[in-house]
Amino acid sequence: MTNESTSNKRPTHTAYQVRDNDGGRAFWIRIGSTWARNDGNGFNLQIDAVPLDGRVVLRVAGEKK
């Protein structure tokens, strides 16, 4: 999926699959990216993997340290 709104700028958010294990620890797996729509009304979500369980969390994209 490449269009004008995703090819011109960096993602505003990163999509993660979050799964909790029995020990209460959460595992975060990056599954995609999100861009704000040019009109400011919503987001475009590009998913690289579809989770079968857990939950999807969108976090503000940050620079890697």
PDB file of N, CA and C in Angstrom:
ATOM      1  N   MET A   1       0.849  -1.175   0.000  1.00  0.00           N
ATOM      2  CA  MET A   1       0.000   0.000   0.000  1.00  0.00           C
ATOM      3  C   MET A   1       0.886   1.226   0.000  1.00  0.00           C
ATOM      4  N   THR A   2       1.017   1.855  -1.112  1.00  0.00           N
ATOM      5  CA  THR A   2       1.783   3.096  -1.191  1.00  0.00           C
ATOM      6  C   THR A   2       0.896   4.139  -1.826  1.00  0.00           C
ATOM      7  N   ASN A   3       0.714   5.237  -1.122  1.00  0.00           N
ATOM      8  CA  ASN A   3      -0.052   6.335  -1.681  1.00  0.00           C
ATOM      9  C   ASN A   3       0.583   7.639  -1.217  1.00  0.00           C
ATOM     10  N   GLU A   4       0.041   8.729  -1.649  1.00  0.00           N
ATOM     11  CA  GLU A   4       0.633  10.037  -1.351  1.00  0.00           C
ATOM     12  C   GLU A   4       0.744  10.297   0.139  1.00  0.00           C
ATOM     13  N   SER A   5      -0.238   9.871   0.929  1.00  0.00           N
ATOM     14  CA  SER A   5      -0.224  10.194   2.347  1.00  0.00           C
ATOM     15  C   SER A   5       0.799   9.368   3.122  1.00  0.00           C
ATOM     16  N   THR A   6       1.236   8.210   2.606  1.00  0.00           N
ATOM     17  CA  THR A   6       2.206   7.405   3.334  1.00  0.00           C
ATOM     18  C   THR A   6       3.605   7.501   2.761  1.00  0.00           C
ATOM     19  N   SER A   7       3.773   7.919   1.532  1.00  0.00           N
ATOM     20  CA  SER A   7       5.100   7.922   0.930  1.00  0.00           C
ATOM     21  C   SER A   7       5.859   9.223   1.160  1.00  0.00           C
ATOM     22  N   ASN A   8       5.179  10.287   1.562  1.00  0.00           N
ATOM     23  CA  ASN A   8       5.833  11.588   1.689  1.00  0.00           C
ATOM     24  C   ASN A   8       6.412  11.869   3.063  1.00  0.00           C
ATOM     25  N   LYS A   9       6.007  11.152   4.083  1.00  0.00           N
ATOM     26  CA  LYS A   9       6.430  11.509   5.427  1.00  0.00           C
ATOM     27  C   LYS A   9       6.612  10.277   6.295  1.00  0.00           C
ATOM     28  N   ARG A  10       7.256  10.497   7.424  1.00  0.00           N
ATOM     29  CA  ARG A  10       7.488   9.417   8.363  1.00  0.00           C
ATOM     30  C   ARG A  10       6.199   9.080   9.105  1.00  0.00           C
ATOM     31  N   PRO A  11       6.074   7.843   9.590  1.00  0.00           N
ATOM     32  CA  PRO A  11       4.876   7.467  10.355  1.00  0.00           C
ATOM     33  C   PRO A  11       4.750   8.298  11.633  1.00  0.00           C
ATOM     34  N   THR A  12       3.530   8.600  12.013  1.00  0.00           N
ATOM     35  CA  THR A  12       3.298   9.331  13.257  1.00  0.00           C
ATOM     36  C   THR A  12       3.186   8.379  14.441  1.00  0.00           C
ATOM     37  N   HIS A  13       2.781   7.129  14.177  1.00  0.00           N
ATOM     38  CA  HIS A  13       2.608   6.128  15.228  1.00  0.00           C
ATOM     39  C   HIS A  13       3.137   4.778  14.749  1.00  0.00           C
ATOM     40  N   THR A  14       3.449   3.919  15.708  1.00  0.00           N
ATOM     41  CA  THR A  14       3.866   2.555  15.412  1.00  0.00           C
ATOM     42  C   THR A  14       2.828   1.616  16.012  1.00  0.00           C
ATOM     43  N   ALA A  15       2.454   0.573  15.254  1.00  0.00           N
ATOM     44  CA  ALA A  15       1.482  -0.414  15.723  1.00  0.00           C
ATOM     45  C   ALA A  15       2.224  -1.614  16.300  1.00  0.00           C
ATOM     46  N   TYR A  16       1.782  -2.055  17.478  1.00  0.00           N
ATOM     47  CA  TYR A  16       2.362  -3.214  18.151  1.00  0.00           C
ATOM     48  C   TYR A  16       1.271  -4.217  18.502  1.00  0.00           C
ATOM     49  N   GLN A  17       1.620  -5.494  18.446  1.00  0.00           N
ATOM     50  CA  GLN A  17       0.797  -6.531  19.042  1.00  0.00           C
ATOM     51  C   GLN A  17       1.342  -6.721  20.448  1.00  0.00           C
ATOM     52  N   VAL A  18       0.468  -6.696  21.439  1.00  0.00           N
ATOM     53  CA  VAL A  18       0.893  -6.875  22.820  1.00  0.00           C
ATOM     54  C   VAL A  18       0.226  -8.132  23.358  1.00  0.00           C
ATOM     55  N   ARG A  19       1.067  -9.058  23.819  1.00  0.00           N
ATOM     56  CA  ARG A  19       0.570 -10.316  24.387  1.00  0.00           C
ATOM     57  C   ARG A  19       1.073 -10.439  25.813  1.00  0.00           C
ATOM     58  N   ASP A  20       0.179 -10.768  26.724  1.00  0.00           N
ATOM     59  CA  ASP A  20       0.542 -10.987  28.123  1.00  0.00           C
ATOM     60  C   ASP A  20       0.788 -12.472  28.340  1.00  0.00           C
ATOM     61  N   ASN A  21       1.861 -12.808  29.063  1.00  0.00           N
ATOM     62  CA  ASN A  21       2.087 -14.211  29.381  1.00  0.00           C
ATOM     63  C   ASN A  21       1.559 -14.502  30.778  1.00  0.00           C
ATOM     64  N   ASP A  22       1.681 -15.753  31.204  1.00  0.00           N
ATOM     65  CA  ASP A  22       1.144 -16.152  32.508  1.00  0.00           C
ATOM     66  C   ASP A  22       1.867 -15.478  33.663  1.00  0.00           C
ATOM     67  N   GLY A  23       3.114 -15.069  33.453  1.00  0.00           N
ATOM     68  CA  GLY A  23       3.877 -14.414  34.507  1.00  0.00           C
ATOM     69  C   GLY A  23       3.557 -12.943  34.664  1.00  0.00           C
ATOM     70  N   GLY A  24       2.628 -12.415  33.880  1.00  0.00           N
ATOM     71  CA  GLY A  24       2.240 -11.017  33.985  1.00  0.00           C
ATOM     72  C   GLY A  24       3.114 -10.073  33.181  1.00  0.00           C
ATOM     73  N   ARG A  25       4.018 -10.630  32.383  1.00  0.00           N
ATOM     74  CA  ARG A  25       4.897  -9.803  31.568  1.00  0.00           C
ATOM     75  C   ARG A  25       4.301  -9.657  30.171  1.00  0.00           C
ATOM     76  N   ALA A  26       4.390  -8.467  29.600  1.00  0.00           N
ATOM     77  CA  ALA A  26       3.845  -8.204  28.268  1.00  0.00           C
ATOM     78  C   ALA A  26       4.966  -8.272  27.231  1.00  0.00           C
ATOM     79  N   PHE A  27       4.667  -8.865  26.085  1.00  0.00           N
ATOM     80  CA  PHE A  27       5.584  -8.917  24.960  1.00  0.00           C
ATOM     81  C   PHE A  27       5.043  -8.015  23.859  1.00  0.00           C
ATOM     82  N   TRP A  28       5.866  -7.077  23.397  1.00  0.00           N
ATOM     83  CA  TRP A  28       5.480  -6.117  22.378  1.00  0.00           C
ATOM     84  C   TRP A  28       6.169  -6.492  21.072  1.00  0.00           C
ATOM     85  N   ILE A  29       5.387  -6.678  20.015  1.00  0.00           N
ATOM     86  CA  ILE A  29       5.920  -7.035  18.701  1.00  0.00           C
ATOM     87  C   ILE A  29       5.448  -5.987  17.703  1.00  0.00           C
ATOM     88  N   ARG A  30       6.393  -5.339  17.012  1.00  0.00           N
ATOM     89  CA  ARG A  30       6.035  -4.320  16.027  1.00  0.00           C
ATOM     90  C   ARG A  30       5.366  -5.000  14.836  1.00  0.00           C
ATOM     91  N   ILE A  31       4.171  -4.508  14.466  1.00  0.00           N
ATOM     92  CA  ILE A  31       3.439  -5.119  13.356  1.00  0.00           C
ATOM     93  C   ILE A  31       3.053  -4.131  12.266  1.00  0.00           C
ATOM     94  N   GLY A  32       3.340  -2.848  12.443  1.00  0.00           N
ATOM     95  CA  GLY A  32       2.969  -1.904  11.397  1.00  0.00           C
ATOM     96  C   GLY A  32       3.230  -0.458  11.761  1.00  0.00           C
ATOM     97  N   SER A  33       2.755   0.425  10.895  1.00  0.00           N
ATOM     98  CA  SER A  33       2.948   1.865  11.060  1.00  0.00           C
ATOM     99  C   SER A  33       1.654   2.597  10.757  1.00  0.00           C
ATOM    100  N   THR A  34       1.566   3.820  11.278  1.00  0.00           N
ATOM    101  CA  THR A  34       0.365   4.633  11.122  1.00  0.00           C
ATOM    102  C   THR A  34       0.757   6.053  10.734  1.00  0.00           C
ATOM    103  N   TRP A  35       0.000   6.617   9.805  1.00  0.00           N
ATOM    104  CA  TRP A  35       0.202   7.997   9.374  1.00  0.00           C
ATOM    105  C   TRP A  35      -1.088   8.770   9.571  1.00  0.00           C
ATOM    106  N   ALA A  36      -0.958  10.018  10.013  1.00  0.00           N
ATOM    107  CA  ALA A  36      -2.131  10.890  10.095  1.00  0.00           C
ATOM    108  C   ALA A  36      -2.593  11.227   8.680  1.00  0.00           C
ATOM    109  N   ARG A  37      -3.895  11.274   8.473  1.00  0.00           N
ATOM    110  CA  ARG A  37      -4.455  11.636   7.173  1.00  0.00           C
ATOM    111  C   ARG A  37      -4.144  13.092   6.870  1.00  0.00           C
ATOM    112  N   ASN A  38      -3.983  13.394   5.598  1.00  0.00           N
ATOM    113  CA  ASN A  38      -3.674  14.771   5.183  1.00  0.00           C
ATOM    114  C   ASN A  38      -4.757  15.756   5.601  1.00  0.00           C
ATOM    115  N   ASP A  39      -6.019  15.297   5.661  1.00  0.00           N
ATOM    116  CA  ASP A  39      -7.104  16.194   6.040  1.00  0.00           C
ATOM    117  C   ASP A  39      -7.263  16.313   7.558  1.00  0.00           C
ATOM    118  N   GLY A  40      -6.445  15.564   8.326  1.00  0.00           N
ATOM    119  CA  GLY A  40      -6.496  15.649   9.785  1.00  0.00           C
ATOM    120  C   GLY A  40      -7.618  14.857  10.418  1.00  0.00           C
ATOM    121  N   ASN A  41      -8.392  14.104   9.626  1.00  0.00           N
ATOM    122  CA  ASN A  41      -9.532  13.346  10.142  1.00  0.00           C
ATOM    123  C   ASN A  41      -9.282  11.853  10.071  1.00  0.00           C
ATOM    124  N   GLY A  42      -8.365  11.353  10.889  1.00  0.00           N
ATOM    125  CA  GLY A  42      -8.141   9.915  10.947  1.00  0.00           C
ATOM    126  C   GLY A  42      -6.711   9.538  10.624  1.00  0.00           C
ATOM    127  N   PHE A  43      -6.517   8.232  10.406  1.00  0.00           N
ATOM    128  CA  PHE A  43      -5.195   7.669  10.190  1.00  0.00           C
ATOM    129  C   PHE A  43      -5.235   6.621   9.086  1.00  0.00           C
ATOM    130  N   ASN A  44      -4.090   6.408   8.448  1.00  0.00           N
ATOM    131  CA  ASN A  44      -3.883   5.275   7.558  1.00  0.00           C
ATOM    132  C   ASN A  44      -3.014   4.290   8.325  1.00  0.00           C
ATOM    133  N   LEU A  45      -3.440   3.036   8.389  1.00  0.00           N
ATOM    134  CA  LEU A  45      -2.729   2.009   9.128  1.00  0.00           C
ATOM    135  C   LEU A  45      -2.217   0.966   8.151  1.00  0.00           C
ATOM    136  N   GLN A  46      -0.897   0.767   8.123  1.00  0.00           N
ATOM    137  CA  GLN A  46      -0.292  -0.260   7.277  1.00  0.00           C
ATOM    138  C   GLN A  46       0.166  -1.383   8.196  1.00  0.00           C
ATOM    139  N   ILE A  47      -0.468  -2.552   8.067  1.00  0.00           N
ATOM    140  CA  ILE A  47      -0.172  -3.706   8.911  1.00  0.00           C
ATOM    141  C   ILE A  47       0.713  -4.675   8.132  1.00  0.00           C
ATOM    142  N   ASP A  48       1.842  -5.066   8.759  1.00  0.00           N
ATOM    143  CA  ASP A  48       2.755  -6.033   8.153  1.00  0.00           C
ATOM    144  C   ASP A  48       2.472  -7.453   8.627  1.00  0.00           C
ATOM    145  N   ALA A  49       1.757  -7.599   9.737  1.00  0.00           N
ATOM    146  CA  ALA A  49       1.383  -8.908  10.277  1.00  0.00           C
ATOM    147  C   ALA A  49       0.055  -8.750  10.998  1.00  0.00           C
ATOM    148  N   VAL A  50      -0.795  -9.765  10.908  1.00  0.00           N
ATOM    149  CA  VAL A  50      -2.105  -9.710  11.553  1.00  0.00           C
ATOM    150  C   VAL A  50      -2.064 -10.583  12.807  1.00  0.00           C
ATOM    151  N   PRO A  51      -2.240  -9.991  13.983  1.00  0.00           N
ATOM    152  CA  PRO A  51      -2.202 -10.790  15.210  1.00  0.00           C
ATOM    153  C   PRO A  51      -3.462 -11.642  15.359  1.00  0.00           C
ATOM    154  N   LEU A  52      -3.276 -12.844  15.885  1.00  0.00           N
ATOM    155  CA  LEU A  52      -4.405 -13.736  16.127  1.00  0.00           C
ATOM    156  C   LEU A  52      -4.908 -13.659  17.557  1.00  0.00           C
ATOM    157  N   ASP A  53      -4.091 -13.100  18.435  1.00  0.00           N
ATOM    158  CA  ASP A  53      -4.502 -12.936  19.822  1.00  0.00           C
ATOM    159  C   ASP A  53      -3.818 -11.697  20.387  1.00  0.00           C
ATOM    160  N   GLY A  54      -4.086 -11.419  21.639  1.00  0.00           N
ATOM    161  CA  GLY A  54      -3.520 -10.216  22.245  1.00  0.00           C
ATOM    162  C   GLY A  54      -4.302  -8.985  21.838  1.00  0.00           C
ATOM    163  N   ARG A  55      -3.621  -7.862  21.831  1.00  0.00           N
ATOM    164  CA  ARG A  55      -4.271  -6.602  21.473  1.00  0.00           C
ATOM    165  C   ARG A  55      -3.322  -5.777  20.606  1.00  0.00           C
ATOM    166  N   VAL A  56      -3.871  -4.814  19.878  1.00  0.00           N
ATOM    167  CA  VAL A  56      -3.068  -3.912  19.060  1.00  0.00           C
ATOM    168  C   VAL A  56      -2.995  -2.577  19.781  1.00  0.00           C
ATOM    169  N   VAL A  57      -1.770  -2.059  19.927  1.00  0.00           N
ATOM    170  CA  VAL A  57      -1.538  -0.785  20.596  1.00  0.00           C
ATOM    171  C   VAL A  57      -0.834   0.136  19.607  1.00  0.00           C
ATOM    172  N   LEU A  58      -1.328   1.367  19.477  1.00  0.00           N
ATOM    173  CA  LEU A  58      -0.674   2.384  18.661  1.00  0.00           C
ATOM    174  C   LEU A  58       0.047   3.345  19.593  1.00  0.00           C
ATOM    175  N   ARG A  59       1.347   3.522  19.356  1.00  0.00           N
ATOM    176  CA  ARG A  59       2.166   4.427  20.156  1.00  0.00           C
ATOM    177  C   ARG A  59       2.764   5.490  19.260  1.00  0.00           C
ATOM    178  N   VAL A  60       2.955   6.680  19.807  1.00  0.00           N
ATOM    179  CA  VAL A  60       3.595   7.753  19.049  1.00  0.00           C
ATOM    180  C   VAL A  60       4.976   7.279  18.622  1.00  0.00           C
ATOM    181  N   ALA A  61       5.282   7.449  17.331  1.00  0.00           N
ATOM    182  CA  ALA A  61       6.580   7.032  16.811  1.00  0.00           C
ATOM    183  C   ALA A  61       7.651   7.953  17.356  1.00  0.00           C
ATOM    184  N   GLY A  62       8.738   7.373  17.795  1.00  0.00           N
ATOM    185  CA  GLY A  62       9.848   8.165  18.309  1.00  0.00           C
ATOM    186  C   GLY A  62      11.125   7.790  17.592  1.00  0.00           C
ATOM    187  N   GLU A  63      12.108   8.631  17.752  1.00  0.00           N
ATOM    188  CA  GLU A  63      13.388   8.346  17.142  1.00  0.00           C
ATOM    189  C   GLU A  63      14.104   7.282  17.943  1.00  0.00           C
ATOM    190  N   LYS A  64      14.823   6.406  17.244  1.00  0.00           N
ATOM    191  CA  LYS A  64      15.593   5.376  17.929  1.00  0.00           C
ATOM    192  C   LYS A  64      16.788   6.015  18.604  1.00  0.00           C
ATOM    193  N   LYS A  65      17.087   5.544  19.799  1.00  0.00           N
ATOM    194  CA  LYS A  65      18.208   6.088  20.571  1.00  0.00           C
ATOM    195  C   LYS A  65      19.483   5.351  20.237  1.00  0.00           C
TER     196      LYS A  65
END
